[in-house]
Amino acid sequence: MVLINKAINEVTVKLVYYGPGLCGKTTNLEKIYANPKLDNKGKMISMSTETDRTLFFDFMPMELGTIAGQKVRVQLYTVPGQVFYDATRKLVLRGADGVVFVADSQAEMRESNLDSLENLKTNLRLNRIDPNKVALVYQLNKRDLPNVSPVEEMIDYLGTDSSSVVEASAKTGAGVTATLRAAVAKILDNLKNNVDTTLYEEPALSAPDMTQKSGVAHHSAGTPKLSMRAESGAHPVVAAPAPAPAPAAVPDEDPFDTGGVAVQPEVEAEEDPFAHDEPVHVDFEDPFAAAPAVEPPSDLEELLANASALVASLEAALERARENERKIRARLTS
């Protein structure tokens, strides 16, 4: 759900990276965050779990211009892909304005992709978000590997079209910025056209069952991760084993030059995600001024408890990060 802060003239939109375990969601955000040409970004927050982690950071792409006179801030999230973190995925999807579904292009991951996509649509509905109206971009990741399915075949079984698809290799950075551009463009297009993605007939999301498992196939959890360089102060996390040497990654170009989203000519891995975009000044009335009133949820106490629990988890993660930072500084000065 778009947040409009009149005090600082800012509109905040939320973009969530979703997909099966080890498909490349975390790698996407790390590549975006590490891009030296992307400034105006906040700190990266990492909430570690046993085999995966949820990442979050926000940034303000100044090149996008304004929305009804408001600056745009984009919040980026990843969700755990493993089957036993379905409750976390539900919470992270709450209020999402757009979703990047990261599909693993390896042929043997077809069922995992389909299960995760169905899980995404179910969790969107549980959050009263219409899967058919929300800004949704499909990233066909790991195109640098030799055992990948043809693009046409993946488009067919994912049930989408080529205009919503980006070929990528998050490991090398190819297609990462094109995916981000396409997703943000779709979110802004929904705003411009006053698209209401709310499913009013769906009941409000109740308190999550933290013991519940999703319907995602067990093989989507992938293999145990071993190691990964973390942000300063973050807990060590685990990473997928490096694949065998493979052909060069699929190159990409600015998708807005051709009106499509597909990746074609070569582009630097650390390009400015919005360097070639013309400023977009959208002049229209507040998209939520005439929106139908939504009845407040009846389980406010449960929602407050959920919010308090999430805040407590973030504070605990931040404290652990600070403790790690202190230890590292102590070692450097000893």
Protein backbone atom coordinates (compact mmCIF):
# COMPACT_ATOMS: atom_id res chain seq x y z
CA MET A 1 0.00 0.00 0.00
CA VAL A 2 1.43 3.34 -1.08
CA LEU A 3 2.27 5.64 1.84
CA ILE A 4 1.95 9.38 1.25
CA ASN A 5 3.78 11.65 3.69
CA LYS A 6 2.58 15.20 3.09
CA ALA A 7 4.96 16.61 5.71
CA ILE A 8 8.07 15.75 3.66
CA ASN A 9 6.39 15.51 0.22
CA GLU A 10 7.26 11.85 -0.19
CA VAL A 11 5.51 8.79 -1.59
CA THR A 12 6.78 5.38 -0.41
CA VAL A 13 6.16 2.23 -2.46
CA LYS A 14 7.02 -1.34 -1.50
CA LEU A 15 8.62 -3.89 -3.85
CA VAL A 16 9.08 -7.51 -2.74
CA TYR A 17 11.37 -10.09 -4.37
CA TYR A 18 9.67 -13.52 -4.20
CA GLY A 19 10.59 -17.00 -5.42
CA PRO A 20 11.74 -20.50 -4.45
CA GLY A 21 14.72 -21.15 -2.20
CA LEU A 22 18.16 -20.26 -3.63
CA CYS A 23 16.68 -18.75 -6.79
CA GLY A 24 18.71 -15.52 -6.44
CA LYS A 25 16.48 -13.10 -4.51
CA THR A 26 19.17 -12.13 -1.99
CA THR A 27 21.79 -11.82 -4.73
CA ASN A 28 19.54 -9.39 -6.59
CA LEU A 29 19.27 -7.06 -3.62
CA GLU A 30 22.98 -7.30 -2.84
CA LYS A 31 23.86 -6.34 -6.42
CA ILE A 32 21.46 -3.39 -6.31
CA TYR A 33 22.71 -2.24 -2.91
CA ALA A 34 26.36 -2.53 -3.93
CA ASN A 35 25.86 -0.44 -7.07
CA PRO A 36 28.02 2.66 -6.48
CA LYS A 37 25.86 4.69 -8.87
CA LEU A 38 22.78 4.18 -6.70
CA ASP A 39 22.81 6.78 -3.94
CA ASN A 40 20.12 8.12 -1.61
CA LYS A 41 19.75 4.66 -0.08
CA GLY A 42 19.20 3.62 3.51
CA LYS A 43 20.99 0.98 5.55
CA MET A 44 20.51 -2.67 4.68
CA ILE A 45 18.73 -4.59 7.43
CA SER A 46 19.25 -8.36 7.50
CA MET A 47 17.09 -10.74 9.52
CA SER A 48 18.88 -14.08 9.50
CA THR A 49 17.27 -17.50 9.79
CA GLU A 50 18.82 -20.96 9.86
CA THR A 51 19.04 -21.37 6.10
CA ASP A 52 17.96 -18.07 4.59
CA ARG A 53 17.48 -14.43 5.48
CA THR A 54 15.12 -11.54 4.86
CA LEU A 55 16.75 -8.35 3.60
CA PHE A 56 15.40 -4.82 3.46
CA PHE A 57 16.63 -1.41 2.38
CA ASP A 58 15.11 1.65 0.74
CA PHE A 59 16.34 4.20 -1.78
CA MET A 60 15.11 7.29 -3.56
CA PRO A 61 15.69 7.25 -7.33
CA MET A 62 15.71 10.99 -7.98
CA GLU A 63 15.65 10.43 -11.76
CA LEU A 64 12.10 9.16 -11.56
CA GLY A 65 10.79 12.66 -10.92
CA THR A 66 7.70 13.17 -8.79
CA ILE A 67 4.24 11.68 -8.30
CA ALA A 68 1.63 14.42 -7.84
CA GLY A 69 4.42 16.65 -6.56
CA GLN A 70 5.73 13.99 -4.17
CA LYS A 71 9.22 12.45 -4.27
CA VAL A 72 9.29 8.67 -4.63
CA ARG A 73 10.98 6.34 -2.15
CA VAL A 74 11.20 2.62 -2.97
CA GLN A 75 11.39 -0.05 -0.25
CA LEU A 76 12.99 -3.33 -1.39
CA TYR A 77 12.40 -6.60 0.47
CA THR A 78 13.34 -10.23 -0.03
CA VAL A 79 11.49 -13.13 1.55
CA PRO A 80 12.77 -16.58 2.59
CA GLY A 81 12.10 -19.15 -0.12
CA GLN A 82 12.24 -22.21 2.12
CA VAL A 83 9.03 -24.11 2.77
CA PHE A 84 9.05 -23.56 6.53
CA TYR A 85 8.99 -19.73 6.37
CA ASP A 86 5.52 -19.25 4.89
CA ALA A 87 4.35 -17.13 7.84
CA THR A 88 7.26 -14.75 7.26
CA ARG A 89 6.43 -14.47 3.57
CA LYS A 90 2.83 -13.55 4.38
CA LEU A 91 3.95 -10.74 6.69
CA VAL A 92 6.55 -9.33 4.27
CA LEU A 93 4.00 -9.27 1.43
CA ARG A 94 1.61 -7.15 3.49
CA GLY A 95 1.11 -3.80 1.79
CA ALA A 96 3.23 -4.69 -1.28
CA ASP A 97 2.75 -2.45 -4.32
CA GLY A 98 4.83 -4.65 -6.62
CA VAL A 99 6.46 -8.07 -6.77
CA VAL A 100 9.46 -9.43 -8.64
CA PHE A 101 9.03 -13.18 -9.01
CA VAL A 102 12.53 -14.63 -9.37
CA ALA A 103 12.26 -17.92 -11.24
CA ASP A 104 15.15 -20.39 -11.35
CA SER A 105 15.79 -21.12 -15.03
CA GLN A 106 17.25 -24.59 -14.41
CA ALA A 107 15.04 -27.23 -16.01
CA GLU A 108 14.80 -29.29 -12.83
CA MET A 109 13.41 -26.29 -10.92
CA ARG A 110 10.19 -26.07 -12.93
CA GLU A 111 7.99 -27.59 -10.21
CA SER A 112 9.60 -25.42 -7.54
CA ASN A 113 8.89 -22.33 -9.61
CA LEU A 114 5.26 -23.30 -10.13
CA ASP A 115 4.73 -24.16 -6.45
CA SER A 116 6.32 -20.90 -5.34
CA LEU A 117 4.26 -18.87 -7.86
CA GLU A 118 1.05 -20.47 -6.61
CA ASN A 119 2.17 -19.77 -3.03
CA LEU A 120 2.76 -16.12 -4.01
CA LYS A 121 -0.75 -15.73 -5.44
CA THR A 122 -2.29 -17.37 -2.37
CA ASN A 123 -0.39 -15.12 0.03
CA LEU A 124 -1.26 -12.03 -2.01
CA ARG A 125 -4.95 -12.89 -1.70
CA LEU A 126 -4.55 -13.50 2.03
CA ASN A 127 -3.14 -9.96 2.21
CA ARG A 128 -6.15 -8.66 0.22
CA ILE A 129 -3.95 -7.89 -2.81
CA ASP A 130 -5.23 -8.80 -6.27
CA PRO A 131 -2.57 -10.93 -8.05
CA ASN A 132 -4.02 -9.84 -11.41
CA LYS A 133 -3.64 -6.10 -10.70
CA VAL A 134 -0.50 -5.79 -8.57
CA ALA A 135 2.66 -4.75 -10.46
CA LEU A 136 4.31 -8.11 -11.19
CA VAL A 137 7.55 -8.73 -13.08
CA TYR A 138 9.05 -12.16 -13.76
CA GLN A 139 12.84 -12.48 -13.67
CA LEU A 140 14.18 -15.61 -15.38
CA ASN A 141 17.37 -15.93 -13.35
CA LYS A 142 20.49 -18.08 -13.80
CA ARG A 143 20.45 -17.80 -17.59
CA ASP A 144 24.25 -18.21 -17.50
CA LEU A 145 23.93 -21.90 -16.56
CA PRO A 146 24.01 -24.61 -19.25
CA ASN A 147 20.93 -26.60 -18.15
CA VAL A 148 18.29 -23.88 -18.44
CA SER A 149 14.79 -24.14 -19.90
CA PRO A 150 14.01 -22.13 -23.07
CA VAL A 151 12.55 -18.70 -22.40
CA GLU A 152 9.38 -19.47 -24.38
CA GLU A 153 8.80 -22.61 -22.34
CA MET A 154 9.18 -20.74 -19.04
CA ILE A 155 6.86 -17.94 -20.18
CA ASP A 156 4.28 -20.58 -21.10
CA TYR A 157 4.33 -22.53 -17.83
CA LEU A 158 4.51 -19.38 -15.68
CA GLY A 159 1.40 -18.11 -17.43
CA THR A 160 2.70 -14.67 -18.38
CA ASP A 161 3.89 -12.86 -21.52
CA SER A 162 7.23 -11.54 -22.76
CA SER A 163 6.40 -7.93 -21.81
CA SER A 164 6.61 -8.83 -18.10
CA VAL A 165 9.75 -10.98 -18.34
CA VAL A 166 13.43 -10.14 -17.84
CA GLU A 167 16.23 -12.62 -18.50
CA ALA A 168 18.99 -12.31 -15.92
CA SER A 169 21.99 -13.70 -14.14
CA ALA A 170 21.96 -12.14 -10.68
CA LYS A 171 25.36 -13.62 -9.90
CA THR A 172 27.03 -11.55 -12.63
CA GLY A 173 24.62 -8.62 -12.40
CA ALA A 174 23.15 -9.00 -15.89
CA GLY A 175 19.45 -8.15 -15.93
CA VAL A 176 19.34 -7.05 -12.28
CA THR A 177 18.90 -3.33 -12.96
CA ALA A 178 16.54 -4.01 -15.89
CA THR A 179 14.32 -6.01 -13.53
CA LEU A 180 14.30 -3.19 -10.99
CA ARG A 181 13.49 -0.58 -13.64
CA ALA A 182 10.63 -2.68 -15.02
CA ALA A 183 9.10 -3.34 -11.60
CA VAL A 184 9.25 0.31 -10.47
CA ALA A 185 7.83 1.43 -13.82
CA LYS A 186 4.85 -0.90 -13.38
CA ILE A 187 4.22 0.38 -9.85
CA LEU A 188 4.27 3.98 -11.04
CA ASP A 189 2.03 3.09 -13.96
CA ASN A 190 -0.52 1.66 -11.49
CA LEU A 191 -0.34 4.92 -9.54
CA LYS A 192 -0.75 7.02 -12.66
CA ASN A 193 -3.84 5.05 -13.67
CA ASN A 194 -5.30 4.93 -10.14
CA VAL A 195 -5.32 1.13 -10.14
CA ASP A 196 -6.78 -0.17 -6.88
CA THR A 197 -5.21 -3.57 -6.14
CA THR A 198 -7.24 -4.22 -2.97
CA LEU A 199 -9.45 -7.32 -2.76
CA TYR A 200 -12.26 -5.89 -0.66
CA GLU A 201 -14.17 -9.18 -0.56
CA GLU A 202 -11.27 -10.95 1.15
CA PRO A 203 -11.21 -10.94 4.99
CA ALA A 204 -8.38 -9.14 6.78
CA LEU A 205 -5.28 -11.24 7.35
CA SER A 206 -5.39 -12.77 10.81
CA ALA A 207 -2.46 -13.46 13.09
CA PRO A 208 -0.09 -15.89 11.32
CA ASP A 209 0.38 -19.46 12.42
CA MET A 210 4.16 -19.56 12.87
CA THR A 211 4.12 -23.39 12.72
CA GLN A 212 2.35 -23.52 9.36
CA LYS A 213 4.20 -24.78 6.30
CA SER A 214 3.41 -23.67 2.80
CA GLY A 215 2.54 -25.88 -0.12
CA VAL A 216 5.90 -25.28 -1.77
CA ALA A 217 7.68 -28.50 -2.66
CA HIS A 218 10.44 -29.57 -0.29
CA HIS A 219 13.03 -29.66 -3.04
CA SER A 220 12.60 -25.90 -3.46
CA ALA A 221 14.58 -25.44 -0.25
CA GLY A 222 17.68 -26.31 -2.18
CA THR A 223 20.94 -27.37 -0.61
CA PRO A 224 22.33 -26.00 2.66
CA LYS A 225 24.14 -22.71 2.25
CA LEU A 226 27.75 -22.49 3.31
CA SER A 227 28.97 -18.91 3.48
CA MET A 228 28.36 -15.43 2.19
CA ARG A 229 29.96 -12.04 2.76
CA ALA A 230 27.55 -10.09 4.93
CA GLU A 231 27.09 -6.39 5.54
CA SER A 232 29.15 -4.96 8.39
CA GLY A 233 27.57 -5.98 11.65
CA ALA A 234 25.24 -8.57 10.11
CA HIS A 235 25.25 -12.21 11.11
CA PRO A 236 27.08 -14.69 8.90
CA VAL A 237 24.70 -16.13 6.38
CA VAL A 238 24.82 -19.05 4.08
CA ALA A 239 25.15 -19.13 0.31
CA ALA A 240 24.56 -21.63 -2.43
CA PRO A 241 27.58 -23.57 -3.71
CA ALA A 242 29.17 -21.88 -6.70
CA PRO A 243 28.05 -23.41 -10.01
CA ALA A 244 30.49 -24.80 -12.52
CA PRO A 245 31.98 -22.34 -15.04
CA ALA A 246 29.36 -21.44 -17.59
CA PRO A 247 28.87 -19.27 -20.64
CA ALA A 248 28.75 -15.52 -20.26
CA ALA A 249 25.62 -14.08 -18.72
CA VAL A 250 22.77 -12.87 -20.84
CA PRO A 251 23.42 -9.15 -21.52
CA ASP A 252 20.70 -6.58 -20.96
CA GLU A 253 19.76 -3.08 -22.07
CA ASP A 254 17.39 -0.38 -20.93
CA PRO A 255 13.97 -2.02 -21.44
CA PHE A 256 12.23 1.28 -21.85
CA ASP A 257 13.97 2.01 -25.19
CA THR A 258 11.95 -0.69 -26.90
CA GLY A 259 8.78 -0.64 -24.86
CA GLY A 260 9.48 -4.16 -23.62
CA VAL A 261 11.23 -5.63 -20.64
CA ALA A 262 13.46 -8.26 -22.29
CA VAL A 263 17.22 -8.05 -21.88
CA GLN A 264 19.33 -7.87 -25.03
CA PRO A 265 22.57 -5.91 -25.58
CA GLU A 266 25.37 -5.98 -23.06
CA VAL A 267 25.34 -3.58 -20.10
CA GLU A 268 27.68 -3.09 -17.20
CA ALA A 269 26.77 -4.99 -14.05
CA GLU A 270 26.97 -1.84 -11.95
CA GLU A 271 25.10 0.58 -14.18
CA ASP A 272 22.85 3.23 -12.74
CA PRO A 273 19.39 1.57 -12.66
CA PHE A 274 17.75 4.79 -13.79
CA ALA A 275 20.60 6.49 -15.69
CA HIS A 276 18.86 6.42 -19.09
CA ASP A 277 15.35 7.13 -17.96
CA GLU A 278 13.83 10.54 -18.64
CA PRO A 279 12.39 12.18 -15.50
CA VAL A 280 8.75 11.22 -15.17
CA HIS A 281 6.57 14.03 -13.85
CA VAL A 282 3.14 12.52 -13.36
CA ASP A 283 0.51 15.20 -12.83
CA PHE A 284 -2.70 13.75 -11.45
CA GLU A 285 -4.79 14.00 -8.35
CA ASP A 286 -3.97 12.11 -5.20
CA PRO A 287 -4.73 8.50 -6.27
CA PHE A 288 -6.19 7.71 -2.87
CA ALA A 289 -8.32 10.84 -2.42
CA ALA A 290 -11.43 9.17 -3.84
CA ALA A 291 -10.62 5.59 -2.91
CA PRO A 292 -13.45 3.63 -1.27
CA ALA A 293 -13.34 3.61 2.47
CA VAL A 294 -11.99 0.39 3.94
CA GLU A 295 -13.50 -0.91 7.11
CA PRO A 296 -10.89 -1.20 9.87
CA PRO A 297 -10.04 -4.81 10.75
CA SER A 298 -11.86 -6.26 13.69
CA ASP A 299 -8.77 -7.94 15.08
CA LEU A 300 -6.80 -4.76 15.81
CA GLU A 301 -5.28 -6.31 18.91
CA GLU A 302 -3.89 -9.21 16.87
CA LEU A 303 -2.53 -6.83 14.22
CA LEU A 304 -0.91 -4.72 16.93
CA ALA A 305 0.65 -7.84 18.44
CA ASN A 306 2.02 -8.84 15.02
CA ALA A 307 3.46 -5.37 14.47
CA SER A 308 5.01 -5.34 17.94
CA ALA A 309 6.57 -8.74 17.35
CA LEU A 310 8.05 -7.61 14.03
CA VAL A 311 9.45 -4.46 15.62
CA ALA A 312 10.95 -6.52 18.41
CA SER A 313 12.58 -8.85 15.89
CA LEU A 314 14.07 -5.92 13.99
CA GLU A 315 15.38 -4.36 17.19
CA ALA A 316 16.92 -7.65 18.25
CA ALA A 317 18.57 -8.10 14.84
CA LEU A 318 19.92 -4.55 15.01
CA GLU A 319 21.33 -5.13 18.48
CA ARG A 320 23.06 -8.32 17.34
CA ALA A 321 24.50 -6.41 14.37
CA ARG A 322 25.83 -3.72 16.69
CA GLU A 323 27.39 -6.33 18.95
CA ASN A 324 29.14 -7.92 15.96
CA GLU A 325 30.35 -4.49 14.85
CA ARG A 326 31.81 -3.84 18.30
CA LYS A 327 33.62 -7.18 18.22
CA ILE A 328 35.05 -6.51 14.77
CA ARG A 329 36.21 -3.04 15.79
CA ALA A 330 37.80 -4.51 18.91
CA ARG A 331 39.75 -7.01 16.79
CA LEU A 332 40.90 -4.31 14.41
CA THR A 333 42.22 -2.13 17.23
CA SER A 334 43.81 -4.98 19.24
